[in-house]
């Protein structure tokens, strides 16, 4: 596998989900989901995310943004 870099989307098989690399702590990779969930994974266990997994992260981010936006009141 190539080098894992900050901002890269990777797949963690231990949790069976993709996340974005936010940093490193020794042999651990710090990961985050668009919902704010963070965790650490072993650097040697993650792999680059597939195109489908990248789309999954983007869709999750879009859904999370939509849920956080205030809803406008219906017009009378």
Protein backbone atom coordinates (compact mmCIF):
# COMPACT_ATOMS: atom_id res chain seq x y z
CA UNK A 1 0.00 0.00 0.00
CA UNK A 2 1.15 3.55 -0.67
CA UNK A 3 1.68 6.19 1.96
CA UNK A 4 -1.29 7.23 4.08
CA UNK A 5 -1.59 11.02 4.18
CA UNK A 6 -3.67 13.53 6.12
CA UNK A 7 -7.00 14.15 4.38
CA UNK A 8 -6.94 10.77 2.64
CA UNK A 9 -10.04 8.57 2.79
CA UNK A 10 -9.19 5.08 4.07
CA UNK A 11 -11.09 1.96 5.07
CA UNK A 12 -10.63 0.45 8.54
CA UNK A 13 -11.47 -3.27 8.43
CA UNK A 14 -11.61 -3.50 12.23
CA UNK A 15 -14.66 -1.21 12.33
CA UNK A 16 -15.72 -2.04 8.77
CA UNK A 17 -16.08 1.60 7.73
CA UNK A 18 -14.25 4.35 5.92
CA UNK A 19 -12.99 7.54 7.49
CA UNK A 20 -10.73 10.47 6.71
CA UNK A 21 -7.18 10.63 8.09
CA UNK A 22 -6.77 13.56 10.49
CA UNK A 23 -3.34 12.75 11.90
CA UNK A 24 -0.91 10.18 13.25
CA UNK A 25 0.16 8.98 16.70
CA UNK A 26 3.11 6.65 16.29
CA UNK A 27 1.85 3.58 14.44
CA UNK A 28 -1.76 4.71 14.79
CA UNK A 29 -3.76 6.61 12.19
CA UNK A 30 -6.32 9.09 13.59
CA UNK A 31 -9.57 8.83 11.64
CA UNK A 32 -12.79 10.83 11.54
CA UNK A 33 -16.23 10.40 10.01
CA UNK A 34 -18.32 13.36 8.78
CA UNK A 35 -20.56 12.92 11.85
CA UNK A 36 -17.65 13.74 14.15
CA UNK A 37 -16.93 10.16 15.22
CA UNK A 38 -13.18 9.77 15.74
CA UNK A 39 -11.05 6.68 16.35
CA UNK A 40 -7.54 5.33 15.90
CA UNK A 41 -6.53 2.41 13.69
CA UNK A 42 -3.25 0.63 13.14
CA UNK A 43 -1.45 2.17 10.18
CA UNK A 44 -0.78 -1.24 8.64
CA UNK A 45 -4.41 -2.31 8.77
CA UNK A 46 -6.06 0.54 6.84
CA UNK A 47 -6.24 0.66 3.07
CA UNK A 48 -7.19 3.44 0.65
CA UNK A 49 -10.95 3.81 0.33
CA UNK A 50 -12.58 2.62 -2.88
CA UNK A 51 -14.53 5.07 -5.05
CA UNK A 52 -17.75 3.66 -3.55
CA UNK A 53 -16.47 4.22 0.02
CA UNK A 54 -15.45 7.79 -0.90
CA UNK A 55 -18.99 8.44 -2.18
CA UNK A 56 -20.35 6.94 1.04
CA UNK A 57 -18.36 9.48 3.09
CA UNK A 58 -19.52 12.37 0.88
CA UNK A 59 -23.17 11.27 1.13
CA UNK A 60 -22.87 10.95 4.90
CA UNK A 61 -21.40 14.47 5.12
CA UNK A 62 -24.23 15.87 2.98
CA UNK A 63 -26.88 14.12 5.08
CA UNK A 64 -25.26 15.31 8.31
CA UNK A 65 -25.21 18.94 7.03
CA UNK A 66 -28.88 18.73 6.02
CA UNK A 67 -29.92 17.42 9.44
CA UNK A 68 -28.04 20.24 11.18
CA UNK A 69 -29.64 23.03 9.13
CA UNK A 70 -32.61 24.73 10.80
CA UNK A 71 -35.87 23.93 9.07
CA UNK A 72 -37.91 26.83 7.82
CA UNK A 73 -41.50 27.09 8.95
CA UNK A 74 -44.13 26.29 6.35
CA UNK A 75 -45.95 29.33 4.99
CA UNK A 76 -49.58 29.72 6.11
